[in-house]
Protein backbone atom coordinates (compact mmCIF):
# COMPACT_ATOMS: atom_id res chain seq x y z
CA GLN A 1 14.42 -65.46 -45.69
CA VAL A 2 13.41 -67.23 -42.00
CA GLN A 3 15.33 -65.47 -39.38
CA LEU A 4 15.39 -66.28 -35.44
CA VAL A 5 17.28 -64.10 -33.20
CA GLU A 6 17.84 -64.95 -29.90
CA SER A 7 18.26 -62.83 -26.37
CA GLY A 8 18.58 -63.32 -22.93
CA GLY A 9 20.97 -65.30 -22.00
CA GLY A 10 23.71 -64.49 -19.03
CA LEU A 11 25.14 -65.68 -16.25
CA VAL A 12 23.26 -66.39 -13.11
CA GLN A 13 23.74 -68.68 -9.93
CA PRO A 14 22.03 -71.40 -9.20
CA GLY A 15 18.09 -70.76 -7.91
CA GLY A 16 17.90 -68.17 -10.37
CA SER A 17 16.04 -67.40 -12.90
CA LEU A 18 16.17 -65.95 -16.78
CA ARG A 19 13.63 -65.54 -19.16
CA LEU A 20 14.70 -65.79 -23.27
CA SER A 21 13.24 -64.33 -26.05
CA CYS A 22 13.18 -65.52 -29.56
CA ALA A 23 11.96 -62.71 -32.23
CA ALA A 24 10.76 -64.29 -35.69
CA SER A 25 10.56 -62.47 -39.08
CA GLY A 26 10.11 -63.90 -42.27
CA PHE A 27 7.66 -66.67 -41.82
CA ALA A 28 4.38 -66.05 -40.82
CA PHE A 29 4.73 -66.68 -37.37
CA SER A 30 1.39 -67.44 -35.89
CA SER A 31 0.83 -70.17 -37.89
CA HIS A 32 3.87 -72.44 -37.02
CA GLY A 33 5.00 -74.20 -33.66
CA MET A 34 8.00 -72.99 -32.41
CA SER A 35 10.54 -74.62 -30.66
CA TRP A 36 13.33 -74.23 -27.98
CA TYR A 37 16.60 -76.39 -28.24
CA ARG A 38 20.06 -76.58 -25.91
CA GLN A 39 23.57 -78.01 -26.67
CA ALA A 40 25.80 -78.02 -23.93
CA PRO A 41 29.13 -77.95 -24.40
CA GLY A 42 30.31 -81.79 -25.21
CA LYS A 43 26.90 -83.25 -25.72
CA GLU A 44 24.24 -82.79 -28.62
CA ARG A 45 21.68 -80.60 -29.18
CA GLU A 46 18.35 -81.77 -27.47
CA LEU A 47 14.66 -80.83 -26.92
CA VAL A 48 13.95 -77.97 -24.02
CA ALA A 49 9.86 -77.36 -24.81
CA VAL A 50 7.53 -76.97 -28.17
CA ILE A 51 4.57 -74.86 -28.00
CA ASN A 52 1.52 -74.97 -30.61
CA THR A 53 0.96 -71.84 -32.99
CA PHE A 54 -2.41 -70.85 -30.67
CA GLY A 55 0.08 -71.37 -27.51
CA VAL A 56 -2.29 -73.55 -25.94
CA GLY A 57 -0.73 -77.09 -26.08
CA THR A 58 3.23 -77.23 -25.01
CA TYR A 59 5.49 -79.64 -24.59
CA TYR A 60 9.02 -80.09 -21.99
CA ALA A 61 11.58 -82.61 -21.47
CA ASP A 62 11.81 -84.28 -18.47
CA SER A 63 14.42 -82.52 -17.58
CA VAL A 64 12.97 -79.10 -17.36
CA LYS A 65 9.96 -79.57 -16.19
CA GLY A 66 8.27 -77.80 -13.63
CA ARG A 67 10.57 -75.70 -14.37
CA PHE A 68 10.39 -73.81 -17.69
CA THR A 69 7.49 -72.46 -19.28
CA ILE A 70 6.88 -71.61 -22.98
CA SER A 71 4.83 -69.21 -24.30
CA ARG A 72 4.46 -67.04 -27.40
CA ASP A 73 3.19 -63.87 -28.28
CA ASN A 74 1.61 -63.66 -31.85
CA ALA A 75 1.45 -60.17 -31.70
CA LYS A 76 4.74 -59.72 -31.66
CA ASN A 77 5.85 -62.40 -33.27
CA THR A 78 8.04 -63.44 -30.51
CA MET A 79 8.58 -66.80 -28.26
CA TYR A 80 9.72 -66.62 -24.67
CA LEU A 81 11.12 -69.56 -22.32
CA GLN A 82 11.03 -68.43 -18.84
CA MET A 83 13.62 -70.54 -16.80
CA ASN A 84 12.83 -70.65 -13.16
CA SER A 85 15.49 -72.97 -10.02
CA LEU A 86 18.46 -73.08 -12.61
CA LYS A 87 20.74 -75.44 -12.93
CA PRO A 88 24.41 -75.67 -12.90
CA GLU A 89 23.23 -78.98 -15.73
CA ASP A 90 20.92 -76.04 -17.41
CA THR A 91 24.50 -74.46 -18.59
CA ALA A 92 24.08 -74.48 -22.86
CA VAL A 93 23.74 -72.38 -25.43
CA TYR A 94 19.85 -72.01 -26.17
CA TYR A 95 18.41 -72.52 -30.07
CA CYS A 96 14.98 -71.51 -30.90
CA SER A 97 13.67 -73.12 -33.87
CA VAL A 98 11.29 -73.44 -36.63
CA GLY A 99 11.38 -76.02 -39.23
CA ASN A 100 14.54 -76.15 -40.10
CA SER A 101 15.56 -72.74 -39.40
CA TRP A 102 17.79 -72.13 -36.36
CA GLY A 103 18.50 -68.81 -34.38
CA GLN A 104 22.39 -68.02 -33.66
CA GLY A 105 21.61 -68.58 -30.12
CA THR A 106 22.39 -67.26 -27.12
CA GLN A 107 24.50 -68.56 -23.99
CA VAL A 108 22.83 -69.31 -20.86
CA THR A 109 25.40 -69.55 -17.94
CA ILE A 110 24.37 -71.06 -14.19
CA SER A 111 27.57 -71.09 -11.82
CA SER A 112 27.98 -69.85 -8.25
């Protein structure tokens, strides 16, 4: 079955950086586009970034464009989200997703 395991979250100060990872198994990783979502307290889950199978085509929400970079390593069955210039409003649980499957999420907290 599909398994998605996020890691790399934590507490950082505004302006800092984090790199999230999503380790995937149970499906043909290189044949599927992948996505990152996030959900802040009291808010709906929102799409953050998408990457196609070869990692060439990407999409970013306006709120993270220019600060976040999505990438993937098909040899390692892993997707990444490099987050720079982090803001308090980036605080959320971040999830990776493929199709209708989700990971358990990793908490990102931006606070001084």
